[in-house]
Amino acid sequence: MLRQICPKLPMRNKSITRDFYVNQMGFRDISAVDYPDYLLLQKDKIEIHFFAFTNLDPLQNDGQVYIRTDDIRSCHEDYQSRGVISNALEIKPWGQLEFSVLDPDHNLLTFGQEV
C-alpha cells in the first residue's frame, strides 16, 4: 500500500540549496547522515529530497513539484514576506488557487488549494 511520495530534485550546490530551503522556505534538514551529494528536507508533512547535479543548467531544468495546502493564503503571505514568490496568487481554470516559488536551481514548487 502506498503511503507517501518524496520527490527528488536536482541541486548544483548543497549548501546553497540547504540555505534557501531552511532560511527562506522554513524547511528543516532531516538528514540523519551528512552525505555530500544528497539532502533531505521537511516542512510539515512535505519531504523533498535533493541529489547532486553539479553540471545542471538551471535554465534547462524541468524539475517541478505540486504541493497541496489547506491554507494557501497564509502560505502565500509567509513566502511573500520572505521574498521568494515567483508569481501572484491566482485562481486557475482547473479550480485551484495557486502560486509558485522558483528555487536557486530553477526547480518549480507550485502551491495549490482547491477553491
PDB file of N, CA and C in Angstrom:
ATOM      1  N   MET A   1       0.842  -1.184   0.000  1.00  0.00           N
ATOM      2  CA  MET A   1       0.000   0.000   0.000  1.00  0.00           C
ATOM      3  C   MET A   1       0.887   1.247   0.000  1.00  0.00           C
ATOM      4  N   LEU A   2       0.561   2.193  -0.871  1.00  0.00           N
ATOM      5  CA  LEU A   2       1.329   3.433  -0.971  1.00  0.00           C
ATOM      6  C   LEU A   2       0.991   4.357   0.194  1.00  0.00           C
ATOM      7  N   ARG A   3       2.012   5.036   0.750  1.00  0.00           N
ATOM      8  CA  ARG A   3       1.799   5.906   1.905  1.00  0.00           C
ATOM      9  C   ARG A   3       2.207   7.350   1.665  1.00  0.00           C
ATOM     10  N   GLN A   4       3.267   7.555   0.904  1.00  0.00           N
ATOM     11  CA  GLN A   4       3.836   8.890   0.815  1.00  0.00           C
ATOM     12  C   GLN A   4       4.698   8.988  -0.429  1.00  0.00           C
ATOM     13  N   ILE A   5       4.844  10.205  -0.938  1.00  0.00           N
ATOM     14  CA  ILE A   5       5.759  10.432  -2.049  1.00  0.00           C
ATOM     15  C   ILE A   5       6.769  11.488  -1.620  1.00  0.00           C
ATOM     16  N   CYS A   6       8.018  11.262  -1.948  1.00  0.00           N
ATOM     17  CA  CYS A   6       9.097  12.198  -1.632  1.00  0.00           C
ATOM     18  C   CYS A   6       9.821  12.512  -2.936  1.00  0.00           C
ATOM     19  N   PRO A   7       9.473  13.617  -3.561  1.00  0.00           N
ATOM     20  CA  PRO A   7      10.121  13.944  -4.830  1.00  0.00           C
ATOM     21  C   PRO A   7      11.617  14.170  -4.655  1.00  0.00           C
ATOM     22  N   LYS A   8      12.354  13.848  -5.701  1.00  0.00           N
ATOM     23  CA  LYS A   8      13.806  14.067  -5.732  1.00  0.00           C
ATOM     24  C   LYS A   8      14.088  15.101  -6.807  1.00  0.00           C
ATOM     25  N   LEU A   9      14.750  16.189  -6.416  1.00  0.00           N
ATOM     26  CA  LEU A   9      15.053  17.285  -7.327  1.00  0.00           C
ATOM     27  C   LEU A   9      16.561  17.490  -7.416  1.00  0.00           C
ATOM     28  N   PRO A  10      17.041  17.993  -8.546  1.00  0.00           N
ATOM     29  CA  PRO A  10      18.475  18.234  -8.692  1.00  0.00           C
ATOM     30  C   PRO A  10      18.920  19.501  -7.965  1.00  0.00           C
ATOM     31  N   MET A  11      20.169  19.484  -7.516  1.00  0.00           N
ATOM     32  CA  MET A  11      20.785  20.667  -6.897  1.00  0.00           C
ATOM     33  C   MET A  11      22.215  20.767  -7.390  1.00  0.00           C
ATOM     34  N   ARG A  12      22.662  21.987  -7.607  1.00  0.00           N
ATOM     35  CA  ARG A  12      24.055  22.199  -8.028  1.00  0.00           C
ATOM     36  C   ARG A  12      24.977  22.325  -6.834  1.00  0.00           C
ATOM     37  N   ASN A  13      24.489  22.938  -5.757  1.00  0.00           N
ATOM     38  CA  ASN A  13      25.323  23.227  -4.603  1.00  0.00           C
ATOM     39  C   ASN A  13      24.510  22.961  -3.341  1.00  0.00           C
ATOM     40  N   LYS A  14      24.919  21.973  -2.584  1.00  0.00           N
ATOM     41  CA  LYS A  14      24.158  21.548  -1.408  1.00  0.00           C
ATOM     42  C   LYS A  14      23.979  22.670  -0.387  1.00  0.00           C
ATOM     43  N   SER A  15      25.023  23.445  -0.114  1.00  0.00           N
ATOM     44  CA  SER A  15      24.904  24.485   0.913  1.00  0.00           C
ATOM     45  C   SER A  15      23.954  25.600   0.467  1.00  0.00           C
ATOM     46  N   ILE A  16      23.957  25.948  -0.815  1.00  0.00           N
ATOM     47  CA  ILE A  16      23.024  26.962  -1.319  1.00  0.00           C
ATOM     48  C   ILE A  16      21.596  26.450  -1.252  1.00  0.00           C
ATOM     49  N   THR A  17      21.388  25.193  -1.647  1.00  0.00           N
ATOM     50  CA  THR A  17      20.047  24.596  -1.594  1.00  0.00           C
ATOM     51  C   THR A  17      19.558  24.526  -0.159  1.00  0.00           C
ATOM     52  N   ARG A  18      20.386  24.036   0.749  1.00  0.00           N
ATOM     53  CA  ARG A  18      20.010  23.952   2.156  1.00  0.00           C
ATOM     54  C   ARG A  18      19.667  25.332   2.715  1.00  0.00           C
ATOM     55  N   ASP A  19      20.510  26.305   2.441  1.00  0.00           N
ATOM     56  CA  ASP A  19      20.275  27.660   2.934  1.00  0.00           C
ATOM     57  C   ASP A  19      18.947  28.212   2.428  1.00  0.00           C
ATOM     58  N   PHE A  20      18.662  28.057   1.148  1.00  0.00           N
ATOM     59  CA  PHE A  20      17.417  28.569   0.577  1.00  0.00           C
ATOM     60  C   PHE A  20      16.208  27.916   1.238  1.00  0.00           C
ATOM     61  N   TYR A  21      16.192  26.602   1.292  1.00  0.00           N
ATOM     62  CA  TYR A  21      15.018  25.902   1.811  1.00  0.00           C
ATOM     63  C   TYR A  21      14.862  26.068   3.327  1.00  0.00           C
ATOM     64  N   VAL A  22      15.949  26.094   4.060  1.00  0.00           N
ATOM     65  CA  VAL A  22      15.869  26.243   5.516  1.00  0.00           C
ATOM     66  C   VAL A  22      15.588  27.695   5.898  1.00  0.00           C
ATOM     67  N   ASN A  23      16.357  28.629   5.361  1.00  0.00           N
ATOM     68  CA  ASN A  23      16.249  30.022   5.793  1.00  0.00           C
ATOM     69  C   ASN A  23      15.197  30.833   5.052  1.00  0.00           C
ATOM     70  N   GLN A  24      14.871  30.467   3.826  1.00  0.00           N
ATOM     71  CA  GLN A  24      13.875  31.214   3.068  1.00  0.00           C
ATOM     72  C   GLN A  24      12.514  30.526   3.011  1.00  0.00           C
ATOM     73  N   MET A  25      12.513  29.204   3.046  1.00  0.00           N
ATOM     74  CA  MET A  25      11.260  28.463   2.883  1.00  0.00           C
ATOM     75  C   MET A  25      10.757  27.822   4.173  1.00  0.00           C
ATOM     76  N   GLY A  26      11.561  27.827   5.238  1.00  0.00           N
ATOM     77  CA  GLY A  26      11.107  27.284   6.513  1.00  0.00           C
ATOM     78  C   GLY A  26      11.162  25.775   6.640  1.00  0.00           C
ATOM     79  N   PHE A  27      11.902  25.107   5.772  1.00  0.00           N
ATOM     80  CA  PHE A  27      12.090  23.658   5.886  1.00  0.00           C
ATOM     81  C   PHE A  27      13.162  23.380   6.937  1.00  0.00           C
ATOM     82  N   ARG A  28      13.290  22.122   7.319  1.00  0.00           N
ATOM     83  CA  ARG A  28      14.387  21.727   8.206  1.00  0.00           C
ATOM     84  C   ARG A  28      15.108  20.545   7.586  1.00  0.00           C
ATOM     85  N   ASP A  29      16.399  20.507   7.840  1.00  0.00           N
ATOM     86  CA  ASP A  29      17.241  19.429   7.334  1.00  0.00           C
ATOM     87  C   ASP A  29      17.011  18.207   8.209  1.00  0.00           C
ATOM     88  N   ILE A  30      16.532  17.122   7.612  1.00  0.00           N
ATOM     89  CA  ILE A  30      16.264  15.894   8.381  1.00  0.00           C
ATOM     90  C   ILE A  30      17.250  14.784   8.026  1.00  0.00           C
ATOM     91  N   SER A  31      18.340  15.151   7.367  1.00  0.00           N
ATOM     92  CA  SER A  31      19.349  14.159   7.002  1.00  0.00           C
ATOM     93  C   SER A  31      19.964  13.557   8.258  1.00  0.00           C
ATOM     94  N   ALA A  32      19.885  12.247   8.397  1.00  0.00           N
ATOM     95  CA  ALA A  32      20.492  11.566   9.544  1.00  0.00           C
ATOM     96  C   ALA A  32      22.008  11.536   9.414  1.00  0.00           C
ATOM     97  N   VAL A  33      22.467  11.490   8.170  1.00  0.00           N
ATOM     98  CA  VAL A  33      23.891  11.489   7.864  1.00  0.00           C
ATOM     99  C   VAL A  33      24.113  12.593   6.841  1.00  0.00           C
ATOM    100  N   ASP A  34      25.214  13.310   6.954  1.00  0.00           N
ATOM    101  CA  ASP A  34      25.505  14.398   6.026  1.00  0.00           C
ATOM    102  C   ASP A  34      26.219  13.854   4.795  1.00  0.00           C
ATOM    103  N   TYR A  35      25.440  13.299   3.870  1.00  0.00           N
ATOM    104  CA  TYR A  35      26.009  12.804   2.625  1.00  0.00           C
ATOM    105  C   TYR A  35      26.359  14.002   1.739  1.00  0.00           C
ATOM    106  N   PRO A  36      27.519  14.013   1.102  1.00  0.00           N
ATOM    107  CA  PRO A  36      27.920  15.176   0.307  1.00  0.00           C
ATOM    108  C   PRO A  36      27.033  15.428  -0.919  1.00  0.00           C
ATOM    109  N   ASP A  37      26.418  14.382  -1.445  1.00  0.00           N
ATOM    110  CA  ASP A  37      25.655  14.514  -2.684  1.00  0.00           C
ATOM    111  C   ASP A  37      24.152  14.321  -2.515  1.00  0.00           C
ATOM    112  N   TYR A  38      23.661  14.395  -1.279  1.00  0.00           N
ATOM    113  CA  TYR A  38      22.241  14.141  -1.049  1.00  0.00           C
ATOM    114  C   TYR A  38      21.760  14.985   0.127  1.00  0.00           C
ATOM    115  N   LEU A  39      20.507  15.440   0.044  1.00  0.00           N
ATOM    116  CA  LEU A  39      19.929  16.304   1.076  1.00  0.00           C
ATOM    117  C   LEU A  39      18.464  15.946   1.262  1.00  0.00           C
ATOM    118  N   LEU A  40      18.027  15.828   2.510  1.00  0.00           N
ATOM    119  CA  LEU A  40      16.630  15.543   2.829  1.00  0.00           C
ATOM    120  C   LEU A  40      16.081  16.705   3.648  1.00  0.00           C
ATOM    121  N   LEU A  41      14.978  17.282   3.172  1.00  0.00           N
ATOM    122  CA  LEU A  41      14.372  18.422   3.855  1.00  0.00           C
ATOM    123  C   LEU A  41      12.902  18.161   4.091  1.00  0.00           C
ATOM    124  N   GLN A  42      12.369  18.776   5.174  1.00  0.00           N
ATOM    125  CA  GLN A  42      10.975  18.550   5.523  1.00  0.00           C
ATOM    126  C   GLN A  42      10.343  19.825   6.063  1.00  0.00           C
ATOM    127  N   LYS A  43       9.073  20.018   5.720  1.00  0.00           N
ATOM    128  CA  LYS A  43       8.249  21.066   6.316  1.00  0.00           C
ATOM    129  C   LYS A  43       6.850  20.497   6.437  1.00  0.00           C
ATOM    130  N   ASP A  44       6.310  20.545   7.645  1.00  0.00           N
ATOM    131  CA  ASP A  44       5.013  19.934   7.926  1.00  0.00           C
ATOM    132  C   ASP A  44       5.063  18.479   7.456  1.00  0.00           C
ATOM    133  N   LYS A  45       4.178  18.068   6.552  1.00  0.00           N
ATOM    134  CA  LYS A  45       4.177  16.689   6.067  1.00  0.00           C
ATOM    135  C   LYS A  45       4.848  16.545   4.711  1.00  0.00           C
ATOM    136  N   ILE A  46       5.486  17.609   4.260  1.00  0.00           N
ATOM    137  CA  ILE A  46       6.149  17.596   2.953  1.00  0.00           C
ATOM    138  C   ILE A  46       7.629  17.274   3.132  1.00  0.00           C
ATOM    139  N   GLU A  47       8.089  16.285   2.397  1.00  0.00           N
ATOM    140  CA  GLU A  47       9.501  15.912   2.417  1.00  0.00           C
ATOM    141  C   GLU A  47      10.015  15.956   0.984  1.00  0.00           C
ATOM    142  N   ILE A  48      11.115  16.677   0.778  1.00  0.00           N
ATOM    143  CA  ILE A  48      11.733  16.776  -0.542  1.00  0.00           C
ATOM    144  C   ILE A  48      13.187  16.331  -0.421  1.00  0.00           C
ATOM    145  N   HIS A  49      13.613  15.488  -1.349  1.00  0.00           N
ATOM    146  CA  HIS A  49      14.994  15.024  -1.407  1.00  0.00           C
ATOM    147  C   HIS A  49      15.689  15.732  -2.567  1.00  0.00           C
ATOM    148  N   PHE A  50      16.978  15.971  -2.416  1.00  0.00           N
ATOM    149  CA  PHE A  50      17.779  16.609  -3.453  1.00  0.00           C
ATOM    150  C   PHE A  50      19.014  15.763  -3.719  1.00  0.00           C
ATOM    151  N   PHE A  51      19.379  15.656  -4.973  1.00  0.00           N
ATOM    152  CA  PHE A  51      20.581  14.928  -5.361  1.00  0.00           C
ATOM    153  C   PHE A  51      21.521  15.880  -6.096  1.00  0.00           C
ATOM    154  N   ALA A  52      22.809  15.648  -5.950  1.00  0.00           N
ATOM    155  CA  ALA A  52      23.808  16.497  -6.587  1.00  0.00           C
ATOM    156  C   ALA A  52      23.777  16.337  -8.102  1.00  0.00           C
ATOM    157  N   PHE A  53      23.766  17.455  -8.772  1.00  0.00           N
ATOM    158  CA  PHE A  53      23.831  17.509 -10.228  1.00  0.00           C
ATOM    159  C   PHE A  53      24.623  18.773 -10.551  1.00  0.00           C
ATOM    160  N   THR A  54      25.931  18.681 -10.375  1.00  0.00           N
ATOM    161  CA  THR A  54      26.790  19.862 -10.464  1.00  0.00           C
ATOM    162  C   THR A  54      26.816  20.497 -11.849  1.00  0.00           C
ATOM    163  N   ASN A  55      26.545  19.723 -12.890  1.00  0.00           N
ATOM    164  CA  ASN A  55      26.545  20.262 -14.252  1.00  0.00           C
ATOM    165  C   ASN A  55      25.164  20.741 -14.709  1.00  0.00           C
ATOM    166  N   LEU A  56      24.226  20.817 -13.798  1.00  0.00           N
ATOM    167  CA  LEU A  56      22.871  21.247 -14.126  1.00  0.00           C
ATOM    168  C   LEU A  56      22.876  22.667 -14.683  1.00  0.00           C
ATOM    169  N   ASP A  57      22.216  22.861 -15.801  1.00  0.00           N
ATOM    170  CA  ASP A  57      21.963  24.195 -16.332  1.00  0.00           C
ATOM    171  C   ASP A  57      20.586  24.592 -15.816  1.00  0.00           C
ATOM    172  N   PRO A  58      20.510  25.538 -14.864  1.00  0.00           N
ATOM    173  CA  PRO A  58      19.218  25.880 -14.269  1.00  0.00           C
ATOM    174  C   PRO A  58      18.174  26.303 -15.298  1.00  0.00           C
ATOM    175  N   LEU A  59      18.605  26.910 -16.383  1.00  0.00           N
ATOM    176  CA  LEU A  59      17.655  27.360 -17.401  1.00  0.00           C
ATOM    177  C   LEU A  59      17.103  26.198 -18.231  1.00  0.00           C
ATOM    178  N   GLN A  60      17.702  25.020 -18.085  1.00  0.00           N
ATOM    179  CA  GLN A  60      17.227  23.816 -18.763  1.00  0.00           C
ATOM    180  C   GLN A  60      16.565  22.835 -17.796  1.00  0.00           C
ATOM    181  N   ASN A  61      16.446  23.219 -16.526  1.00  0.00           N
ATOM    182  CA  ASN A  61      15.894  22.331 -15.505  1.00  0.00           C
ATOM    183  C   ASN A  61      14.371  22.311 -15.572  1.00  0.00           C
ATOM    184  N   ASP A  62      13.807  21.126 -15.655  1.00  0.00           N
ATOM    185  CA  ASP A  62      12.357  20.951 -15.684  1.00  0.00           C
ATOM    186  C   ASP A  62      11.810  20.396 -14.367  1.00  0.00           C
ATOM    187  N   GLY A  63      12.616  20.425 -13.284  1.00  0.00           N
ATOM    188  CA  GLY A  63      12.160  19.896 -12.004  1.00  0.00           C
ATOM    189  C   GLY A  63      10.963  20.665 -11.480  1.00  0.00           C
ATOM    190  N   GLN A  64       9.898  19.938 -11.143  1.00  0.00           N
ATOM    191  CA  GLN A  64       8.677  20.564 -10.636  1.00  0.00           C
ATOM    192  C   GLN A  64       8.024  19.695  -9.578  1.00  0.00           C
ATOM    193  N   VAL A  65       7.411  20.362  -8.605  1.00  0.00           N
ATOM    194  CA  VAL A  65       6.645  19.671  -7.567  1.00  0.00           C
ATOM    195  C   VAL A  65       5.374  20.474  -7.322  1.00  0.00           C
ATOM    196  N   TYR A  66       4.257  19.770  -7.197  1.00  0.00           N
ATOM    197  CA  TYR A  66       2.983  20.418  -6.857  1.00  0.00           C
ATOM    198  C   TYR A  66       2.669  20.066  -5.411  1.00  0.00           C
ATOM    199  N   ILE A  67       2.477  21.082  -4.574  1.00  0.00           N
ATOM    200  CA  ILE A  67       2.242  20.879  -3.151  1.00  0.00           C
ATOM    201  C   ILE A  67       0.870  21.412  -2.790  1.00  0.00           C
ATOM    202  N   ARG A  68       0.016  20.536  -2.312  1.00  0.00           N
ATOM    203  CA  ARG A  68      -1.326  20.961  -1.872  1.00  0.00           C
ATOM    204  C   ARG A  68      -1.249  21.465  -0.435  1.00  0.00           C
ATOM    205  N   THR A  69      -2.003  22.513  -0.170  1.00  0.00           N
ATOM    206  CA  THR A  69      -2.048  23.085   1.164  1.00  0.00           C
ATOM    207  C   THR A  69      -3.497  23.320   1.567  1.00  0.00           C
ATOM    208  N   ASP A  70      -3.756  23.415   2.863  1.00  0.00           N
ATOM    209  CA  ASP A  70      -5.106  23.720   3.324  1.00  0.00           C
ATOM    210  C   ASP A  70      -5.226  25.172   3.803  1.00  0.00           C
ATOM    211  N   ASP A  71      -4.158  25.969   3.611  1.00  0.00           N
ATOM    212  CA  ASP A  71      -4.197  27.386   3.975  1.00  0.00           C
ATOM    213  C   ASP A  71      -3.291  28.169   3.019  1.00  0.00           C
ATOM    214  N   ILE A  72      -3.723  28.240   1.769  1.00  0.00           N
ATOM    215  CA  ILE A  72      -2.910  28.839   0.713  1.00  0.00           C
ATOM    216  C   ILE A  72      -2.611  30.310   0.978  1.00  0.00           C
ATOM    217  N   ARG A  73      -3.560  31.037   1.554  1.00  0.00           N
ATOM    218  CA  ARG A  73      -3.347  32.477   1.768  1.00  0.00           C
ATOM    219  C   ARG A  73      -2.249  32.733   2.804  1.00  0.00           C
ATOM    220  N   SER A  74      -2.254  31.991   3.886  1.00  0.00           N
ATOM    221  CA  SER A  74      -1.195  32.150   4.898  1.00  0.00           C
ATOM    222  C   SER A  74       0.153  31.730   4.332  1.00  0.00           C
ATOM    223  N   CYS A  75       0.155  30.647   3.578  1.00  0.00           N
ATOM    224  CA  CYS A  75       1.391  30.166   2.950  1.00  0.00           C
ATOM    225  C   CYS A  75       1.925  31.229   1.992  1.00  0.00           C
ATOM    226  N   HIS A  76       1.048  31.808   1.189  1.00  0.00           N
ATOM    227  CA  HIS A  76       1.446  32.848   0.242  1.00  0.00           C
ATOM    228  C   HIS A  76       1.988  34.074   0.977  1.00  0.00           C
ATOM    229  N   GLU A  77       1.301  34.506   2.022  1.00  0.00           N
ATOM    230  CA  GLU A  77       1.753  35.666   2.803  1.00  0.00           C
ATOM    231  C   GLU A  77       3.133  35.408   3.407  1.00  0.00           C
ATOM    232  N   ASP A  78       3.330  34.214   3.954  1.00  0.00           N
ATOM    233  CA  ASP A  78       4.610  33.864   4.559  1.00  0.00           C
ATOM    234  C   ASP A  78       5.729  33.940   3.526  1.00  0.00           C
ATOM    235  N   TYR A  79       5.542  33.288   2.380  1.00  0.00           N
ATOM    236  CA  TYR A  79       6.590  33.279   1.370  1.00  0.00           C
ATOM    237  C   TYR A  79       6.756  34.636   0.692  1.00  0.00           C
ATOM    238  N   GLN A  80       5.677  35.398   0.603  1.00  0.00           N
ATOM    239  CA  GLN A  80       5.789  36.744   0.050  1.00  0.00           C
ATOM    240  C   GLN A  80       6.644  37.617   0.972  1.00  0.00           C
ATOM    241  N   SER A  81       6.443  37.480   2.293  1.00  0.00           N
ATOM    242  CA  SER A  81       7.239  38.262   3.245  1.00  0.00           C
ATOM    243  C   SER A  81       8.713  37.851   3.220  1.00  0.00           C
ATOM    244  N   ARG A  82       8.990  36.617   2.805  1.00  0.00           N
ATOM    245  CA  ARG A  82      10.368  36.124   2.710  1.00  0.00           C
ATOM    246  C   ARG A  82      11.003  36.467   1.355  1.00  0.00           C
ATOM    247  N   GLY A  83      10.183  36.996   0.425  1.00  0.00           N
ATOM    248  CA  GLY A  83      10.688  37.409  -0.882  1.00  0.00           C
ATOM    249  C   GLY A  83      11.011  36.282  -1.837  1.00  0.00           C
ATOM    250  N   VAL A  84      10.315  35.151  -1.727  1.00  0.00           N
ATOM    251  CA  VAL A  84      10.631  34.011  -2.600  1.00  0.00           C
ATOM    252  C   VAL A  84       9.536  33.673  -3.614  1.00  0.00           C
ATOM    253  N   ILE A  85       8.468  34.430  -3.655  1.00  0.00           N
ATOM    254  CA  ILE A  85       7.348  34.156  -4.573  1.00  0.00           C
ATOM    255  C   ILE A  85       7.762  34.451  -6.015  1.00  0.00           C
ATOM    256  N   SER A  86       7.387  33.548  -6.928  1.00  0.00           N
ATOM    257  CA  SER A  86       7.690  33.746  -8.344  1.00  0.00           C
ATOM    258  C   SER A  86       6.520  34.325  -9.125  1.00  0.00           C
ATOM    259  N   ASN A  87       5.297  34.166  -8.633  1.00  0.00           N
ATOM    260  CA  ASN A  87       4.142  34.720  -9.331  1.00  0.00           C
ATOM    261  C   ASN A  87       3.022  35.014  -8.333  1.00  0.00           C
ATOM    262  N   ALA A  88       1.997  35.687  -8.813  1.00  0.00           N
ATOM    263  CA  ALA A  88       0.880  36.095  -7.958  1.00  0.00           C
ATOM    264  C   ALA A  88      -0.024  34.918  -7.613  1.00  0.00           C
ATOM    265  N   LEU A  89      -0.723  35.061  -6.514  1.00  0.00           N
ATOM    266  CA  LEU A  89      -1.743  34.097  -6.113  1.00  0.00           C
ATOM    267  C   LEU A  89      -2.925  34.274  -7.059  1.00  0.00           C
ATOM    268  N   GLU A  90      -3.318  33.202  -7.734  1.00  0.00           N
ATOM    269  CA  GLU A  90      -4.421  33.324  -8.680  1.00  0.00           C
ATOM    270  C   GLU A  90      -5.218  32.032  -8.792  1.00  0.00           C
ATOM    271  N   ILE A  91      -6.477  32.203  -9.162  1.00  0.00           N
ATOM    272  CA  ILE A  91      -7.348  31.054  -9.395  1.00  0.00           C
ATOM    273  C   ILE A  91      -7.107  30.561 -10.818  1.00  0.00           C
ATOM    274  N   LYS A  92      -6.794  29.286 -10.919  1.00  0.00           N
ATOM    275  CA  LYS A  92      -6.526  28.669 -12.217  1.00  0.00           C
ATOM    276  C   LYS A  92      -7.820  28.081 -12.792  1.00  0.00           C
ATOM    277  N   PRO A  93      -7.882  27.875 -14.110  1.00  0.00           N
ATOM    278  CA  PRO A  93      -9.092  27.329 -14.732  1.00  0.00           C
ATOM    279  C   PRO A  93      -9.497  25.959 -14.183  1.00  0.00           C
ATOM    280  N   TRP A  94      -8.550  25.225 -13.596  1.00  0.00           N
ATOM    281  CA  TRP A  94      -8.847  23.885 -13.077  1.00  0.00           C
ATOM    282  C   TRP A  94      -9.332  23.927 -11.622  1.00  0.00           C
ATOM    283  N   GLY A  95      -9.651  25.131 -11.105  1.00  0.00           N
ATOM    284  CA  GLY A  95     -10.275  25.245  -9.799  1.00  0.00           C
ATOM    285  C   GLY A  95      -9.330  25.248  -8.616  1.00  0.00           C
ATOM    286  N   GLN A  96      -8.085  25.564  -8.853  1.00  0.00           N
ATOM    287  CA  GLN A  96      -7.097  25.637  -7.778  1.00  0.00           C
ATOM    288  C   GLN A  96      -6.630  27.091  -7.623  1.00  0.00           C
ATOM    289  N   LEU A  97      -6.460  27.529  -6.386  1.00  0.00           N
ATOM    290  CA  LEU A  97      -5.832  28.805  -6.079  1.00  0.00           C
ATOM    291  C   LEU A  97      -4.352  28.492  -5.897  1.00  0.00           C
ATOM    292  N   GLU A  98      -3.472  29.130  -6.702  1.00  0.00           N
ATOM    293  CA  GLU A  98      -2.072  28.724  -6.750  1.00  0.00           C
ATOM    294  C   GLU A  98      -1.104  29.902  -6.772  1.00  0.00           C
ATOM    295  N   PHE A  99       0.119  29.600  -6.351  1.00  0.00           N
ATOM    296  CA  PHE A  99       1.279  30.458  -6.573  1.00  0.00           C
ATOM    297  C   PHE A  99       2.495  29.546  -6.664  1.00  0.00           C
ATOM    298  N   SER A 100       3.619  30.103  -7.126  1.00  0.00           N
ATOM    299  CA  SER A 100       4.815  29.287  -7.317  1.00  0.00           C
ATOM    300  C   SER A 100       6.053  29.953  -6.733  1.00  0.00           C
ATOM    301  N   VAL A 101       7.036  29.103  -6.444  1.00  0.00           N
ATOM    302  CA  VAL A 101       8.351  29.525  -5.989  1.00  0.00           C
ATOM    303  C   VAL A 101       9.368  28.824  -6.882  1.00  0.00           C
ATOM    304  N   LEU A 102      10.360  29.571  -7.319  1.00  0.00           N
ATOM    305  CA  LEU A 102      11.440  29.015  -8.123  1.00  0.00           C
ATOM    306  C   LEU A 102      12.699  29.018  -7.262  1.00  0.00           C
ATOM    307  N   ASP A 103      13.286  27.838  -7.036  1.00  0.00           N
ATOM    308  CA  ASP A 103      14.469  27.775  -6.172  1.00  0.00           C
ATOM    309  C   ASP A 103      15.734  28.159  -6.955  1.00  0.00           C
ATOM    310  N   PRO A 104      16.894  28.209  -6.297  1.00  0.00           N
ATOM    311  CA  PRO A 104      18.126  28.639  -6.976  1.00  0.00           C
ATOM    312  C   PRO A 104      18.523  27.785  -8.188  1.00  0.00           C
ATOM    313  N   ASP A 105      18.031  26.549  -8.260  1.00  0.00           N
ATOM    314  CA  ASP A 105      18.334  25.673  -9.390  1.00  0.00           C
ATOM    315  C   ASP A 105      17.201  25.625 -10.405  1.00  0.00           C
ATOM    316  N   HIS A 106      16.211  26.497 -10.220  1.00  0.00           N
ATOM    317  CA  HIS A 106      15.029  26.601 -11.074  1.00  0.00           C
ATOM    318  C   HIS A 106      14.114  25.391 -10.973  1.00  0.00           C
ATOM    319  N   ASN A 107      14.129  24.716  -9.833  1.00  0.00           N
ATOM    320  CA  ASN A 107      13.090  23.743  -9.542  1.00  0.00           C
ATOM    321  C   ASN A 107      11.854  24.557  -9.201  1.00  0.00           C
ATOM    322  N   LEU A 108      10.726  24.220  -9.808  1.00  0.00           N
ATOM    323  CA  LEU A 108       9.482  24.959  -9.611  1.00  0.00           C
ATOM    324  C   LEU A 108       8.623  24.263  -8.564  1.00  0.00           C
ATOM    325  N   LEU A 109       8.314  24.974  -7.496  1.00  0.00           N
ATOM    326  CA  LEU A 109       7.400  24.465  -6.468  1.00  0.00           C
ATOM    327  C   LEU A 109       6.104  25.236  -6.606  1.00  0.00           C
ATOM    328  N   THR A 110       5.028  24.562  -6.968  1.00  0.00           N
ATOM    329  CA  THR A 110       3.727  25.192  -7.089  1.00  0.00           C
ATOM    330  C   THR A 110       2.885  24.769  -5.899  1.00  0.00           C
ATOM    331  N   PHE A 111       2.297  25.751  -5.230  1.00  0.00           N
ATOM    332  CA  PHE A 111       1.452  25.511  -4.063  1.00  0.00           C
ATOM    333  C   PHE A 111       0.007  25.752  -4.480  1.00  0.00           C
ATOM    334  N   GLY A 112      -0.890  24.845  -4.101  1.00  0.00           N
ATOM    335  CA  GLY A 112      -2.272  24.997  -4.520  1.00  0.00           C
ATOM    336  C   GLY A 112      -3.268  24.523  -3.485  1.00  0.00           C
ATOM    337  N   GLN A 113      -4.454  25.120  -3.578  1.00  0.00           N
ATOM    338  CA  GLN A 113      -5.582  24.730  -2.730  1.00  0.00           C
ATOM    339  C   GLN A 113      -6.840  24.800  -3.571  1.00  0.00           C
ATOM    340  N   GLU A 114      -7.703  23.817  -3.401  1.00  0.00           N
ATOM    341  CA  GLU A 114      -8.967  23.792  -4.128  1.00  0.00           C
ATOM    342  C   GLU A 114      -9.831  24.973  -3.707  1.00  0.00           C
ATOM    343  N   VAL A 115     -10.444  25.616  -4.702  1.00  0.00           N
ATOM    344  CA  VAL A 115     -11.291  26.777  -4.429  1.00  0.00           C
ATOM    345  C   VAL A 115     -12.687  26.298  -4.081  1.00  0.00           C
TER     346      VAL A 115
END
